[in-house]
Amino acid sequence: MHNIYQQMKLKLENKLCLLEDKPEETIDSTLKALWLKAYGQPNSAERASSSLLPTLSDEQFLILNELIDQRLNDKPLAYITERQNFMGIELLCDNRALIPRKETEMLGKAALSLCQEIGKDKTTIKVLDLCCGSGNLGLVLANLHPEVVVILSDLSQEAVNLAIENIRFLNLNHRVNAIQSDLFSGFESEEYFEKLDLIVCNPPYISTSKVSKMDKEIRANEPEMAFNGGMTGLNIIQKVIQESPRFLSKNGWLVFEVGLGQGPFIVQLCEKSNYFKLSKSFTDKSG
């Protein structure tokens, strides 16, 4: 088995281009994840990296070779394994939604920290995850904080369907719900006005002109509506900043992710809006 593993590893090393925005995907974690998928035990790259490998049957080796070929033909690993890890939680993943990225864990951790603060004064923390995709942000908050109640929302019905599957996968039906909505259009009622403690959002923020320049693995597989943020890349986040105060409770928070170079302008936008008492910003390694 060791020799076969080394042969397949060498094949990947010679042909596979790894993307910077998926640092958990190494040659070894990729091969291990594909190996486990062929065996019938789907795992994310992150979970697979520390897993022991089972012995494969001849039929399973054929499946493994097919999976390796799919990966070498630019199909994202998470779409092959149908799993992605986000903040330690395994999630279902397929091409109905953007693959949750490591960089977004910074947003998730900031949101979780706020939930812990809000939870000091409230027994129920009402959270809305806008542009939810697979539901990773809202689901992690509900999974890691017992007082959090979440509504997941996305313009894409396909993404909402995947989010619903993830709610069931994590057994969170009692505290998480998902609906299709164009930003706040599905929440225009007294049930939501000034009722939300936290709005979290990882919106599309790539400018339209840059979409065609993105890596083929992303461009050809992940849904464009999940990353195309319009001419400036800021269309959606500007709407969220403008509309969210009507839905936030008195001491509620809006937390979101923006792209490289967009931060200073967005912070300025928040501060000048007179909607928010306080703004904080965090940057990743690339600034």
Protein backbone atom coordinates (compact mmCIF):
# COMPACT_ATOMS: atom_id res chain seq x y z
CA MET A 1 0.00 0.00 0.00
CA HIS A 2 2.87 2.36 0.81
CA ASN A 3 4.32 2.02 -2.70
CA ILE A 4 0.96 2.72 -4.35
CA TYR A 5 0.48 5.78 -2.13
CA GLN A 6 3.92 7.13 -3.12
CA GLN A 7 3.21 6.56 -6.83
CA MET A 8 -0.07 8.46 -6.63
CA LYS A 9 1.53 11.20 -4.55
CA LEU A 10 4.22 11.64 -7.21
CA LYS A 11 1.55 11.90 -9.91
CA LEU A 12 -0.16 14.69 -7.96
CA GLU A 13 3.12 16.47 -7.24
CA ASN A 14 3.97 16.55 -10.95
CA LYS A 15 0.59 17.77 -12.20
CA LEU A 16 -1.49 19.43 -9.47
CA CYS A 17 -1.53 23.20 -8.95
CA LEU A 18 -2.51 24.08 -5.38
CA LEU A 19 -4.34 27.37 -4.73
CA GLU A 20 -3.18 29.84 -2.10
CA ASP A 21 -6.70 30.42 -0.79
CA LYS A 22 -6.99 26.76 0.25
CA PRO A 23 -3.88 26.31 2.46
CA GLU A 24 -5.31 23.16 4.05
CA GLU A 25 -5.00 21.41 0.70
CA THR A 26 -1.51 19.92 0.42
CA ILE A 27 -0.47 17.03 -1.81
CA ASP A 28 -0.77 14.64 1.15
CA SER A 29 -4.09 15.96 2.48
CA THR A 30 -5.51 15.90 -1.06
CA LEU A 31 -4.48 12.30 -1.66
CA LYS A 32 -5.71 11.20 1.75
CA ALA A 33 -9.08 12.90 1.21
CA LEU A 34 -9.48 11.24 -2.20
CA TRP A 35 -8.39 7.89 -0.75
CA LEU A 36 -11.01 8.07 2.00
CA LYS A 37 -13.68 9.15 -0.51
CA ALA A 38 -12.86 6.10 -2.67
CA TYR A 39 -13.19 3.93 0.45
CA GLY A 40 -16.64 5.41 1.13
CA GLN A 41 -15.68 7.63 4.06
CA PRO A 42 -15.82 11.24 2.77
CA ASN A 43 -13.66 13.68 4.73
CA SER A 44 -12.47 17.22 4.17
CA ALA A 45 -8.78 17.77 3.38
CA GLU A 46 -8.30 19.11 6.90
CA ARG A 47 -9.89 16.09 8.59
CA ALA A 48 -8.24 13.62 6.20
CA SER A 49 -4.75 14.97 6.87
CA SER A 50 -4.71 13.37 10.33
CA SER A 51 -6.61 10.18 9.38
CA LEU A 52 -5.25 6.68 9.03
CA LEU A 53 -5.73 5.22 5.57
CA PRO A 54 -7.71 1.98 5.16
CA THR A 55 -6.74 -0.73 2.70
CA LEU A 56 -8.59 -0.32 -0.59
CA SER A 57 -10.06 -3.10 -2.69
CA ASP A 58 -9.18 -3.36 -6.40
CA GLU A 59 -12.49 -1.70 -7.26
CA GLN A 60 -11.81 1.12 -4.79
CA PHE A 61 -8.37 1.70 -6.34
CA LEU A 62 -10.09 2.19 -9.70
CA ILE A 63 -12.42 4.73 -8.06
CA LEU A 64 -9.41 6.48 -6.50
CA ASN A 65 -7.73 6.82 -9.89
CA GLU A 66 -10.92 8.33 -11.31
CA LEU A 67 -11.07 10.81 -8.42
CA ILE A 68 -7.43 11.79 -8.93
CA ASP A 69 -8.14 12.42 -12.61
CA GLN A 70 -11.10 14.63 -11.66
CA ARG A 71 -8.84 16.64 -9.35
CA LEU A 72 -6.16 17.00 -12.02
CA ASN A 73 -8.86 18.28 -14.39
CA ASP A 74 -9.49 21.24 -12.06
CA LYS A 75 -12.49 19.90 -10.16
CA PRO A 76 -12.16 21.35 -6.63
CA LEU A 77 -11.26 18.83 -3.96
CA ALA A 78 -14.19 19.83 -1.73
CA TYR A 79 -16.62 19.18 -4.58
CA ILE A 80 -15.14 15.71 -5.12
CA THR A 81 -15.16 14.70 -1.45
CA GLU A 82 -18.40 16.64 -0.80
CA ARG A 83 -16.91 17.82 2.49
CA GLN A 84 -15.26 21.00 3.73
CA ASN A 85 -14.06 21.83 7.23
CA PHE A 86 -14.84 25.25 8.66
CA MET A 87 -13.68 26.21 12.17
CA GLY A 88 -13.38 22.53 13.05
CA ILE A 89 -16.86 21.60 11.79
CA GLU A 90 -17.32 19.21 8.85
CA LEU A 91 -19.86 20.48 6.32
CA LEU A 92 -21.49 19.11 3.19
CA CYS A 93 -20.10 20.84 0.12
CA ASP A 94 -20.92 20.85 -3.59
CA ASN A 95 -21.16 23.22 -6.54
CA ARG A 96 -24.42 24.77 -5.39
CA ALA A 97 -22.38 27.15 -3.22
CA LEU A 98 -18.95 28.68 -2.79
CA ILE A 99 -16.43 26.50 -0.95
CA PRO A 100 -15.91 27.92 2.57
CA ARG A 101 -12.39 29.35 2.83
CA LYS A 102 -9.88 29.35 5.68
CA GLU A 103 -9.63 33.15 5.44
CA THR A 104 -13.33 33.43 6.34
CA GLU A 105 -12.64 31.74 9.69
CA MET A 106 -11.39 35.15 10.84
CA LEU A 107 -14.91 36.48 10.25
CA GLY A 108 -16.38 33.43 11.99
CA LYS A 109 -14.17 33.89 15.06
CA ALA A 110 -15.02 37.60 15.29
CA ALA A 111 -18.73 36.74 15.09
CA LEU A 112 -18.39 34.00 17.72
CA SER A 113 -16.61 36.41 20.06
CA LEU A 114 -19.48 38.88 19.67
CA CYS A 115 -22.01 36.12 20.39
CA GLN A 116 -20.17 35.39 23.62
CA GLU A 117 -20.39 39.07 24.59
CA ILE A 118 -24.06 39.37 23.62
CA GLY A 119 -24.79 36.15 25.53
CA LYS A 120 -23.81 37.80 28.81
CA ASP A 121 -27.02 39.84 28.66
CA LYS A 122 -29.35 37.67 26.60
CA THR A 123 -30.58 34.08 26.83
CA THR A 124 -31.30 33.95 23.07
CA ILE A 125 -28.98 35.47 20.46
CA LYS A 126 -30.74 36.10 17.16
CA VAL A 127 -28.40 35.83 14.17
CA LEU A 128 -28.98 36.38 10.45
CA ASP A 129 -26.40 34.94 8.03
CA LEU A 130 -26.85 36.86 4.75
CA CYS A 131 -25.37 35.47 1.51
CA CYS A 132 -25.06 32.24 3.49
CA GLY A 133 -23.93 29.90 0.71
CA SER A 134 -23.57 26.46 2.30
CA GLY A 135 -24.49 28.02 5.67
CA ASN A 136 -21.01 27.71 7.15
CA LEU A 137 -20.93 30.93 9.19
CA GLY A 138 -24.38 30.67 10.77
CA LEU A 139 -24.11 26.94 11.35
CA VAL A 140 -20.74 27.20 13.09
CA LEU A 141 -22.11 29.91 15.40
CA ALA A 142 -25.11 27.72 16.29
CA ASN A 143 -22.88 24.67 16.70
CA LEU A 144 -20.41 26.41 19.01
CA HIS A 145 -22.82 28.57 21.04
CA PRO A 146 -25.94 26.98 22.59
CA GLU A 147 -27.90 30.27 22.86
CA VAL A 148 -27.57 31.18 19.19
CA VAL A 149 -30.65 30.96 16.94
CA VAL A 150 -29.92 31.47 13.23
CA ILE A 151 -31.67 32.28 9.99
CA LEU A 152 -29.63 31.46 6.90
CA SER A 153 -30.47 33.42 3.77
CA ASP A 154 -29.23 33.49 0.18
CA LEU A 155 -30.42 34.76 -3.19
CA SER A 156 -29.64 31.35 -4.70
CA GLN A 157 -32.30 28.71 -4.01
CA GLU A 158 -29.68 26.05 -4.76
CA ALA A 159 -27.41 27.42 -2.03
CA VAL A 160 -30.38 27.51 0.37
CA ASN A 161 -31.13 23.85 -0.42
CA LEU A 162 -27.52 22.93 0.42
CA ALA A 163 -27.71 24.98 3.62
CA ILE A 164 -30.87 23.07 4.61
CA GLU A 165 -29.01 19.79 4.06
CA ASN A 166 -26.22 21.07 6.30
CA ILE A 167 -28.72 22.02 9.01
CA ARG A 168 -29.90 18.40 9.01
CA PHE A 169 -26.35 17.06 8.74
CA LEU A 170 -25.41 18.90 11.96
CA ASN A 171 -28.75 18.18 13.69
CA LEU A 172 -29.47 21.88 14.19
CA ASN A 173 -33.09 21.95 12.92
CA HIS A 174 -34.28 23.21 16.32
CA ARG A 175 -32.15 26.39 16.18
CA VAL A 176 -31.40 27.07 12.50
CA ASN A 177 -33.71 27.82 9.58
CA ALA A 178 -32.92 28.74 5.94
CA ILE A 179 -34.88 30.81 3.42
CA GLN A 180 -34.36 32.23 -0.07
CA SER A 181 -34.18 36.02 -0.01
CA ASP A 182 -32.61 38.86 -1.96
CA LEU A 183 -30.72 40.39 0.98
CA PHE A 184 -33.36 41.78 3.39
CA SER A 185 -36.40 41.48 1.09
CA GLY A 186 -37.65 38.38 2.92
CA PHE A 187 -37.42 40.06 6.34
CA GLU A 188 -39.58 43.17 5.86
CA SER A 189 -41.84 42.66 8.89
CA GLU A 190 -42.16 43.58 12.56
CA GLU A 191 -40.85 40.11 13.39
CA TYR A 192 -37.40 41.27 12.27
CA PHE A 193 -37.29 45.08 12.57
CA GLU A 194 -34.72 45.92 15.31
CA LYS A 195 -34.83 42.30 16.50
CA LEU A 196 -31.49 40.87 15.28
CA ASP A 197 -28.50 40.81 17.61
CA LEU A 198 -25.98 39.94 14.90
CA ILE A 199 -25.96 40.07 11.12
CA VAL A 200 -23.05 38.20 9.57
CA CYS A 201 -22.29 38.36 5.87
CA ASN A 202 -19.62 37.07 3.49
CA PRO A 203 -20.86 38.79 0.34
CA PRO A 204 -19.64 38.59 -3.26
CA TYR A 205 -16.86 41.22 -3.41
CA ILE A 206 -14.80 40.49 -6.55
CA SER A 207 -15.26 43.19 -9.20
CA THR A 208 -16.82 41.94 -12.44
CA SER A 209 -13.70 42.80 -14.47
CA LYS A 210 -11.57 40.50 -12.29
CA VAL A 211 -13.87 37.48 -12.48
CA SER A 212 -12.49 36.35 -15.86
CA LYS A 213 -8.95 36.57 -14.45
CA MET A 214 -9.64 34.23 -11.53
CA ASP A 215 -8.04 30.79 -11.45
CA LYS A 216 -9.80 28.34 -13.76
CA GLU A 217 -10.48 25.93 -10.89
CA ILE A 218 -12.61 28.61 -9.22
CA ARG A 219 -14.03 30.27 -12.32
CA ALA A 220 -15.15 27.04 -14.01
CA ASN A 221 -16.66 25.34 -10.96
CA GLU A 222 -17.83 27.66 -8.19
CA PRO A 223 -21.04 29.69 -8.76
CA GLU A 224 -20.18 33.12 -10.16
CA MET A 225 -22.99 34.84 -8.27
CA ALA A 226 -21.18 33.89 -5.05
CA PHE A 227 -18.13 36.03 -5.82
CA ASN A 228 -19.13 38.59 -8.49
CA GLY A 229 -19.76 41.81 -6.57
CA GLY A 230 -20.52 44.07 -9.53
CA MET A 231 -18.47 46.79 -11.20
CA THR A 232 -16.60 47.87 -8.06
CA GLY A 233 -17.06 44.66 -6.07
CA LEU A 234 -18.88 46.70 -3.41
CA ASN A 235 -22.49 46.71 -4.68
CA ILE A 236 -23.84 44.21 -2.19
CA ILE A 237 -21.89 45.17 0.92
CA GLN A 238 -22.94 48.83 0.45
CA LYS A 239 -26.59 47.72 0.42
CA VAL A 240 -26.04 45.60 3.54
CA ILE A 241 -24.45 48.53 5.40
CA GLN A 242 -27.29 50.81 4.37
CA GLU A 243 -30.19 48.46 5.14
CA SER A 244 -29.01 46.46 8.17
CA PRO A 245 -29.64 49.15 10.86
CA ARG A 246 -33.41 48.71 10.45
CA PHE A 247 -33.05 45.08 11.51
CA LEU A 248 -30.40 45.33 14.22
CA SER A 249 -31.31 45.58 17.89
CA LYS A 250 -30.08 48.61 19.83
CA ASN A 251 -26.68 47.08 20.59
CA GLY A 252 -26.63 44.76 17.60
CA TRP A 253 -23.64 44.12 15.35
CA LEU A 254 -23.04 43.83 11.62
CA VAL A 255 -19.98 41.71 10.77
CA PHE A 256 -18.76 41.09 7.23
CA GLU A 257 -15.81 40.25 4.99
CA VAL A 258 -14.43 42.43 2.20
CA GLY A 259 -11.69 41.97 -0.39
CA LEU A 260 -8.09 43.12 -0.58
CA GLY A 261 -7.87 46.92 -0.74
CA GLN A 262 -11.56 47.52 0.03
CA GLY A 263 -11.22 47.82 3.83
CA PRO A 264 -10.32 51.50 4.35
CA PHE A 265 -13.15 52.73 2.11
CA ILE A 266 -15.71 50.44 3.76
CA VAL A 267 -14.63 51.46 7.29
CA GLN A 268 -15.01 55.10 6.20
CA LEU A 269 -18.45 54.31 4.77
CA CYS A 270 -19.58 52.76 8.08
CA GLU A 271 -18.24 55.65 10.15
CA LYS A 272 -19.81 58.32 7.94
CA SER A 273 -23.19 56.59 7.78
CA ASN A 274 -24.14 57.64 11.34
CA TYR A 275 -25.83 54.23 11.70
CA PHE A 276 -23.10 52.65 13.82
CA LYS A 277 -21.58 53.64 17.17
CA LEU A 278 -18.34 51.75 16.68
CA SER A 279 -16.39 50.08 13.91
CA LYS A 280 -13.54 47.58 14.19
CA SER A 281 -11.48 46.01 11.43
CA PHE A 282 -9.25 42.95 11.19
CA THR A 283 -6.84 42.06 8.40
CA ASP A 284 -5.45 38.75 7.19
CA LYS A 285 -1.83 38.04 6.27
CA SER A 286 -2.17 39.79 2.90
CA GLY A 287 -3.57 42.92 4.55
